[in-house]
């Protein structure tokens, strides 16, 4: 179903979507164990999208493009109107081919 996520301002997710609240399609089968969130963040991963206690989006700011989501952005993509994460990935990779 559709679930909201709050995006952290200044994050890659916020830049990709251009807003602080999004609604995306989910099929929750996995989640981040709350006991490990701080340890994960201490190693450099940022949880930039949340829904209450659920971590919806993760990213690594030091990486050229590390963006992971619990939701399925492909479910909202349409021909000629790709979901924002896909478009952002293509844009980030322009000129990276060697």
N, C-alpha and C. Protein backbone atom coordinates (compact mmCIF):
# COMPACT_ATOMS: atom_id res chain seq x y z
N UNK A 1 0.80 -1.18 0.00
CA UNK A 1 0.00 0.00 0.00
C UNK A 1 0.84 1.25 0.00
N UNK A 2 0.21 2.37 0.01
CA UNK A 2 0.88 3.66 0.07
C UNK A 2 1.16 4.04 1.52
N UNK A 3 2.41 4.48 1.77
CA UNK A 3 2.80 4.93 3.09
C UNK A 3 3.58 6.22 2.97
N UNK A 4 3.41 7.13 3.93
CA UNK A 4 4.18 8.38 3.90
C UNK A 4 5.58 8.18 4.48
N UNK A 5 6.47 9.06 4.10
CA UNK A 5 7.81 9.10 4.69
C UNK A 5 8.20 10.56 4.85
N UNK A 6 8.82 10.86 5.97
CA UNK A 6 9.35 12.20 6.23
C UNK A 6 10.81 12.20 5.83
N UNK A 7 11.21 13.17 4.99
CA UNK A 7 12.58 13.25 4.50
C UNK A 7 13.38 14.30 5.26
N UNK A 8 14.60 13.94 5.61
CA UNK A 8 15.49 14.84 6.34
C UNK A 8 15.98 15.95 5.40
N UNK A 9 15.77 17.19 5.81
CA UNK A 9 16.21 18.32 4.99
C UNK A 9 17.73 18.27 4.80
N UNK A 10 18.17 18.59 3.58
CA UNK A 10 19.59 18.57 3.26
C UNK A 10 20.11 17.22 2.82
N UNK A 11 19.27 16.19 2.89
CA UNK A 11 19.69 14.84 2.50
C UNK A 11 19.57 14.66 0.99
N UNK A 12 20.16 13.58 0.49
CA UNK A 12 20.01 13.24 -0.92
C UNK A 12 18.54 12.98 -1.24
N UNK A 13 17.85 12.29 -0.35
CA UNK A 13 16.42 12.02 -0.56
C UNK A 13 15.64 13.32 -0.72
N UNK A 14 15.92 14.28 0.13
CA UNK A 14 15.24 15.58 0.06
C UNK A 14 15.56 16.27 -1.27
N UNK A 15 16.81 16.19 -1.69
CA UNK A 15 17.20 16.78 -2.97
C UNK A 15 16.49 16.08 -4.14
N UNK A 16 16.41 14.77 -4.08
CA UNK A 16 15.77 13.99 -5.16
C UNK A 16 14.30 14.35 -5.30
N UNK A 17 13.59 14.41 -4.18
CA UNK A 17 12.15 14.64 -4.22
C UNK A 17 11.76 16.11 -4.15
N UNK A 18 12.64 16.95 -3.61
CA UNK A 18 12.34 18.37 -3.52
C UNK A 18 11.27 18.72 -2.50
N UNK A 19 11.06 17.84 -1.53
CA UNK A 19 10.08 18.10 -0.47
C UNK A 19 10.41 17.26 0.75
N UNK A 20 9.71 17.53 1.85
CA UNK A 20 10.00 16.82 3.10
C UNK A 20 9.04 15.68 3.38
N UNK A 21 7.96 15.58 2.65
CA UNK A 21 7.00 14.48 2.83
C UNK A 21 6.71 13.85 1.48
N UNK A 22 6.80 12.52 1.43
CA UNK A 22 6.46 11.79 0.21
C UNK A 22 5.53 10.64 0.56
N UNK A 23 4.87 10.10 -0.44
CA UNK A 23 4.06 8.90 -0.28
C UNK A 23 4.51 7.94 -1.37
N UNK A 24 4.89 6.73 -0.96
CA UNK A 24 5.37 5.73 -1.91
C UNK A 24 4.71 4.38 -1.62
N UNK A 25 4.79 3.51 -2.62
CA UNK A 25 4.20 2.18 -2.52
C UNK A 25 5.14 1.24 -1.77
N UNK A 26 4.59 0.47 -0.86
CA UNK A 26 5.36 -0.45 -0.03
C UNK A 26 4.84 -1.87 -0.11
N UNK A 27 5.70 -2.75 0.22
CA UNK A 27 5.35 -4.14 0.46
C UNK A 27 6.30 -4.59 1.56
N UNK A 28 6.06 -4.07 2.75
CA UNK A 28 6.99 -4.30 3.87
C UNK A 28 7.15 -5.78 4.17
N UNK A 29 8.38 -6.23 4.06
CA UNK A 29 8.73 -7.58 4.47
C UNK A 29 9.93 -7.55 5.40
N UNK A 30 10.69 -6.47 5.33
CA UNK A 30 11.90 -6.33 6.13
C UNK A 30 11.91 -4.95 6.78
N UNK A 31 12.64 -4.83 7.86
CA UNK A 31 12.84 -3.52 8.46
C UNK A 31 14.17 -3.51 9.19
N UNK A 32 14.65 -2.32 9.48
CA UNK A 32 15.91 -2.16 10.20
C UNK A 32 15.64 -2.40 11.68
N UNK A 33 16.43 -3.27 12.28
CA UNK A 33 16.31 -3.55 13.70
C UNK A 33 16.68 -2.28 14.48
N UNK A 34 15.74 -1.75 15.27
CA UNK A 34 16.00 -0.50 16.00
C UNK A 34 17.23 -0.57 16.91
N UNK A 35 17.59 -1.76 17.37
CA UNK A 35 18.75 -1.91 18.25
C UNK A 35 20.06 -1.55 17.55
N UNK A 36 20.07 -1.57 16.20
CA UNK A 36 21.30 -1.34 15.45
C UNK A 36 21.35 0.01 14.72
N UNK A 37 20.29 0.79 14.81
CA UNK A 37 20.24 2.05 14.07
C UNK A 37 21.42 2.96 14.43
N UNK A 38 21.69 3.16 15.70
CA UNK A 38 22.78 4.05 16.10
C UNK A 38 24.12 3.53 15.62
N UNK A 39 24.36 2.23 15.74
CA UNK A 39 25.62 1.64 15.27
C UNK A 39 25.80 1.87 13.77
N UNK A 40 24.75 1.68 13.02
CA UNK A 40 24.80 1.87 11.57
C UNK A 40 25.10 3.33 11.24
N UNK A 41 24.42 4.23 11.93
CA UNK A 41 24.64 5.66 11.68
C UNK A 41 26.05 6.08 12.09
N UNK A 42 26.57 5.49 13.15
CA UNK A 42 27.93 5.81 13.59
C UNK A 42 28.98 5.45 12.54
N UNK A 43 28.66 4.52 11.66
CA UNK A 43 29.58 4.09 10.61
C UNK A 43 29.40 4.87 9.31
N UNK A 44 28.48 5.84 9.29
CA UNK A 44 28.37 6.72 8.14
C UNK A 44 27.11 6.63 7.31
N UNK A 45 26.24 5.68 7.60
CA UNK A 45 24.97 5.61 6.87
C UNK A 45 23.98 6.56 7.53
N UNK A 46 23.18 7.21 6.72
CA UNK A 46 22.17 8.14 7.21
C UNK A 46 20.80 7.58 6.85
N UNK A 47 19.90 7.57 7.82
CA UNK A 47 18.51 7.21 7.54
C UNK A 47 17.79 8.52 7.28
N UNK A 48 17.60 8.81 6.01
CA UNK A 48 17.09 10.12 5.60
C UNK A 48 15.59 10.16 5.36
N UNK A 49 14.94 9.01 5.39
CA UNK A 49 13.50 8.94 5.23
C UNK A 49 12.92 8.02 6.28
N UNK A 50 11.96 8.51 7.05
CA UNK A 50 11.39 7.70 8.13
C UNK A 50 9.87 7.80 8.13
N UNK A 51 9.26 6.78 8.71
CA UNK A 51 7.82 6.77 8.96
C UNK A 51 7.68 6.30 10.39
N UNK A 52 7.59 7.24 11.30
CA UNK A 52 7.58 6.88 12.72
C UNK A 52 8.91 6.24 13.08
N UNK A 53 8.85 5.00 13.58
CA UNK A 53 10.07 4.28 13.96
C UNK A 53 10.64 3.46 12.81
N UNK A 54 10.02 3.49 11.65
CA UNK A 54 10.50 2.71 10.50
C UNK A 54 11.48 3.53 9.66
N UNK A 55 12.60 2.91 9.34
CA UNK A 55 13.60 3.54 8.48
C UNK A 55 13.22 3.22 7.04
N UNK A 56 12.86 4.24 6.26
CA UNK A 56 12.37 4.04 4.90
C UNK A 56 13.42 4.27 3.82
N UNK A 57 14.36 5.20 4.07
CA UNK A 57 15.40 5.52 3.09
C UNK A 57 16.74 5.61 3.82
N UNK A 58 17.77 5.02 3.19
CA UNK A 58 19.12 5.15 3.72
C UNK A 58 20.02 5.69 2.62
N UNK A 59 21.07 6.36 3.04
CA UNK A 59 22.05 6.87 2.08
C UNK A 59 23.40 6.99 2.78
N UNK A 60 24.45 7.04 1.96
CA UNK A 60 25.80 7.27 2.46
C UNK A 60 26.29 8.55 1.80
N UNK A 61 26.34 9.64 2.55
CA UNK A 61 26.69 10.94 1.97
C UNK A 61 28.05 10.98 1.27
N UNK A 62 29.02 10.20 1.73
CA UNK A 62 30.36 10.23 1.13
C UNK A 62 30.43 9.46 -0.19
N UNK A 63 29.41 8.73 -0.54
CA UNK A 63 29.38 7.93 -1.77
C UNK A 63 28.77 8.76 -2.89
N UNK A 64 29.23 8.57 -4.14
CA UNK A 64 28.66 9.34 -5.25
C UNK A 64 27.14 9.20 -5.40
N UNK A 65 26.61 7.99 -5.16
CA UNK A 65 25.15 7.82 -5.21
C UNK A 65 24.79 6.52 -4.51
N UNK A 66 24.58 6.60 -3.21
CA UNK A 66 24.13 5.44 -2.44
C UNK A 66 22.79 5.81 -1.86
N UNK A 67 21.74 5.22 -2.43
CA UNK A 67 20.36 5.52 -2.04
C UNK A 67 19.61 4.20 -1.98
N UNK A 68 19.12 3.85 -0.81
CA UNK A 68 18.35 2.62 -0.65
C UNK A 68 16.99 2.93 -0.06
N UNK A 69 15.99 2.17 -0.48
CA UNK A 69 14.64 2.42 0.03
C UNK A 69 13.93 1.13 0.39
N UNK A 70 13.04 1.23 1.36
CA UNK A 70 12.17 0.12 1.72
C UNK A 70 10.99 0.04 0.76
N UNK A 71 10.66 1.13 0.13
CA UNK A 71 9.52 1.17 -0.79
C UNK A 71 9.97 0.78 -2.19
N UNK A 72 9.04 0.73 -3.09
CA UNK A 72 9.28 0.30 -4.47
C UNK A 72 9.02 1.46 -5.43
N UNK A 73 10.06 2.27 -5.72
CA UNK A 73 9.84 3.41 -6.61
C UNK A 73 9.42 2.99 -8.02
N UNK A 74 9.75 1.77 -8.42
CA UNK A 74 9.35 1.31 -9.75
C UNK A 74 7.83 1.23 -9.91
N UNK A 75 7.11 1.13 -8.80
CA UNK A 75 5.65 1.02 -8.87
C UNK A 75 4.99 2.33 -9.29
N UNK A 76 5.70 3.44 -9.15
CA UNK A 76 5.13 4.73 -9.56
C UNK A 76 5.74 5.24 -10.86
N UNK A 77 6.75 4.55 -11.38
CA UNK A 77 7.37 4.96 -12.65
C UNK A 77 6.43 4.68 -13.81
N UNK A 78 6.45 5.57 -14.77
CA UNK A 78 5.65 5.42 -15.99
C UNK A 78 6.53 5.80 -17.17
N UNK A 79 6.22 5.30 -18.37
CA UNK A 79 7.00 5.71 -19.54
C UNK A 79 7.00 7.24 -19.67
N UNK A 80 8.17 7.80 -19.79
CA UNK A 80 8.28 9.26 -19.91
C UNK A 80 8.19 10.00 -18.59
N UNK A 81 7.93 9.28 -17.49
CA UNK A 81 7.83 9.91 -16.16
C UNK A 81 8.41 8.96 -15.11
N UNK A 82 9.75 8.83 -15.13
CA UNK A 82 10.37 7.91 -14.17
C UNK A 82 10.24 8.42 -12.73
N UNK A 83 10.24 7.49 -11.82
CA UNK A 83 10.22 7.85 -10.40
C UNK A 83 11.48 8.65 -10.07
N UNK A 84 11.39 9.64 -9.19
CA UNK A 84 12.53 10.50 -8.89
C UNK A 84 13.85 9.78 -8.56
N UNK A 85 13.86 8.68 -7.79
CA UNK A 85 15.16 8.03 -7.54
C UNK A 85 15.84 7.50 -8.80
N UNK A 86 15.07 6.98 -9.75
CA UNK A 86 15.66 6.46 -10.98
C UNK A 86 16.24 7.60 -11.82
N UNK A 87 15.51 8.67 -11.94
CA UNK A 87 15.98 9.82 -12.69
C UNK A 87 17.25 10.40 -12.04
N UNK A 88 17.26 10.49 -10.73
CA UNK A 88 18.43 11.01 -10.01
C UNK A 88 19.65 10.12 -10.21
N UNK A 89 19.44 8.80 -10.23
CA UNK A 89 20.56 7.89 -10.45
C UNK A 89 21.17 8.09 -11.83
N UNK A 90 20.33 8.18 -12.85
CA UNK A 90 20.83 8.40 -14.21
C UNK A 90 21.58 9.73 -14.29
N UNK A 91 21.01 10.77 -13.70
CA UNK A 91 21.67 12.08 -13.70
C UNK A 91 23.02 12.02 -13.00
N UNK A 92 23.08 11.30 -11.88
CA UNK A 92 24.33 11.20 -11.11
C UNK A 92 25.41 10.44 -11.88
N UNK A 93 25.00 9.53 -12.74
CA UNK A 93 25.96 8.70 -13.46
C UNK A 93 26.41 9.30 -14.79
N UNK A 94 25.75 10.35 -15.22
CA UNK A 94 26.17 11.00 -16.47
C UNK A 94 27.64 11.39 -16.38
N UNK A 95 28.39 11.03 -17.39
CA UNK A 95 29.80 11.40 -17.42
C UNK A 95 30.71 10.53 -16.57
N UNK A 96 30.16 9.52 -15.89
CA UNK A 96 30.98 8.65 -15.04
C UNK A 96 31.56 7.46 -15.81
N UNK A 97 31.05 7.20 -17.00
CA UNK A 97 31.50 6.05 -17.79
C UNK A 97 32.94 6.25 -18.24
N UNK A 98 33.72 5.21 -18.10
CA UNK A 98 35.14 5.30 -18.49
C UNK A 98 35.41 4.49 -19.73
